[in-house]
Protein backbone atom coordinates (compact mmCIF):
# COMPACT_ATOMS: atom_id res chain seq x y z
CA UNK A 1 0.69 11.16 16.39
CA UNK A 2 -2.62 12.99 16.56
CA UNK A 3 -5.43 10.55 15.27
CA UNK A 4 -7.69 12.10 12.88
CA UNK A 5 -11.55 12.69 13.49
CA UNK A 6 -13.40 10.34 11.67
CA UNK A 7 -17.24 10.48 11.23
CA UNK A 8 -19.58 8.27 9.30
CA UNK A 9 -23.11 9.90 8.85
CA UNK A 10 -25.72 7.74 7.50
CA UNK A 11 -29.31 7.49 6.94
CA UNK A 12 -31.64 4.57 7.99
CA UNK A 13 -32.88 4.19 4.40
CA UNK A 14 -29.29 3.37 2.95
CA UNK A 15 -28.38 -0.21 2.68
CA UNK A 16 -24.60 0.77 2.08
CA UNK A 17 -23.85 2.26 5.56
CA UNK A 18 -22.95 -1.21 7.23
CA UNK A 19 -20.49 -1.75 4.15
CA UNK A 20 -19.00 1.90 4.14
CA UNK A 21 -18.32 1.43 8.06
CA UNK A 22 -16.37 -2.14 7.44
CA UNK A 23 -14.45 -0.12 4.30
CA UNK A 24 -13.58 2.58 6.89
CA UNK A 25 -12.42 0.34 9.75
CA UNK A 26 -10.34 -1.67 7.33
CA UNK A 27 -8.77 1.49 6.04
CA UNK A 28 -8.06 2.70 9.43
CA UNK A 29 -6.71 -0.62 10.59
CA UNK A 30 -4.47 -0.71 7.79
CA UNK A 31 -2.70 2.60 8.76
CA UNK A 32 -2.55 1.76 12.37
CA UNK A 33 -5.45 3.79 13.41
CA UNK A 34 -7.98 2.53 15.92
CA UNK A 35 -11.46 1.97 14.25
CA UNK A 36 -13.16 2.30 17.81
CA UNK A 37 -12.59 6.09 17.27
CA UNK A 38 -15.33 6.39 14.34
CA UNK A 39 -17.94 8.60 15.26
CA UNK A 40 -21.22 7.61 13.85
CA UNK A 41 -24.25 9.93 13.43
CA UNK A 42 -27.67 8.70 12.08
CA UNK A 43 -29.12 11.53 10.28
CA UNK A 44 -32.77 11.34 10.72
CA UNK A 45 -34.65 14.46 10.02
CA UNK A 46 -34.49 17.15 7.11
CA UNK A 47 -33.44 19.55 9.83
CA UNK A 48 -30.35 17.14 10.63
CA UNK A 49 -29.40 16.94 7.04
CA UNK A 50 -29.55 20.66 6.71
CA UNK A 51 -27.60 21.12 9.87
CA UNK A 52 -24.82 18.51 9.01
CA UNK A 53 -24.74 19.62 5.20
CA UNK A 54 -25.51 15.98 4.61
CA UNK A 55 -26.03 15.37 0.88
CA UNK A 56 -26.73 11.60 1.10
CA UNK A 57 -25.52 8.13 3.02
CA UNK A 58 -23.19 7.14 3.69
CA UNK A 59 -20.96 10.34 4.23
CA UNK A 60 -17.37 10.01 5.29
CA UNK A 61 -15.58 13.02 6.75
CA UNK A 62 -12.01 13.06 8.18
CA UNK A 63 -11.12 16.11 10.31
CA UNK A 64 -14.47 17.76 9.35
CA UNK A 65 -13.89 17.54 5.60
CA UNK A 66 -16.10 15.38 3.35
CA UNK A 67 -13.71 13.07 1.66
CA UNK A 68 -15.69 13.28 -1.61
CA UNK A 69 -17.17 16.98 -1.45
CA UNK A 70 -20.66 17.21 -2.92
CA UNK A 71 -21.22 19.34 -5.97
CA UNK A 72 -21.48 23.14 -5.49
CA UNK A 73 -25.20 23.89 -4.35
CA UNK A 74 -26.21 19.97 -3.86
CA UNK A 75 -29.05 20.34 -1.33
CA UNK A 76 -29.09 18.46 2.03
CA UNK A 77 -31.14 15.35 1.58
CA UNK A 78 -32.24 12.03 3.42
CA UNK A 79 -31.24 9.85 0.31
CA UNK A 80 -28.63 7.40 -0.70
CA UNK A 81 -25.35 8.98 -2.16
CA UNK A 82 -23.71 8.25 -5.56
CA UNK A 83 -20.09 7.93 -5.98
CA UNK A 84 -17.92 7.45 -8.70
CA UNK A 85 -15.07 4.95 -8.70
CA UNK A 86 -11.63 6.08 -10.28
CA UNK A 87 -12.67 3.93 -13.38
CA UNK A 88 -15.75 6.06 -13.73
CA UNK A 89 -18.06 3.58 -12.51
CA UNK A 90 -21.20 4.57 -10.22
CA UNK A 91 -20.99 3.19 -6.91
CA UNK A 92 -23.12 3.37 -3.51
CA UNK A 93 -19.67 3.73 -1.70
CA UNK A 94 -16.46 6.04 -2.32
CA UNK A 95 -13.60 4.23 -3.80
CA UNK A 96 -11.48 2.80 -1.14
CA UNK A 97 -8.47 4.35 -2.52
CA UNK A 98 -10.06 7.72 -1.60
CA UNK A 99 -10.86 6.72 1.65
CA UNK A 100 -7.29 5.90 2.55
CA UNK A 101 -5.91 8.87 0.82
CA UNK A 102 -8.07 11.16 3.19
CA UNK A 103 -6.79 9.28 6.33
CA UNK A 104 -3.14 9.67 4.81
CA UNK A 105 -3.66 13.51 4.32
CA UNK A 106 -4.72 13.55 7.81
CA UNK A 107 -1.84 11.97 9.09
CA UNK A 108 0.71 13.79 7.36
CA UNK A 109 -0.87 17.02 8.84
CA UNK A 110 -0.93 15.70 12.22
């Protein structure tokens, strides 16, 4: 089984990136994946944000795909990201079920 490429992109002004990493580690461990394989990338400049198509922190990508693709035309930015839970509530983190689903989908295609 091929392990998925898991990336956590973050901006230092975001207070949620540590919690995002813990959530990601928990989801990976639950699926038998080694969380030590998480690639972290601190996005520092506007040029970094543009290059990485970074629309806010934290951003989680699995096999190069944002687990919650931003809206079409969302500009790259050094900002905190807003997600929506399955019940519609706004959150600074993606719904844990979406994180797990993205990892499972990647494993299904391995």
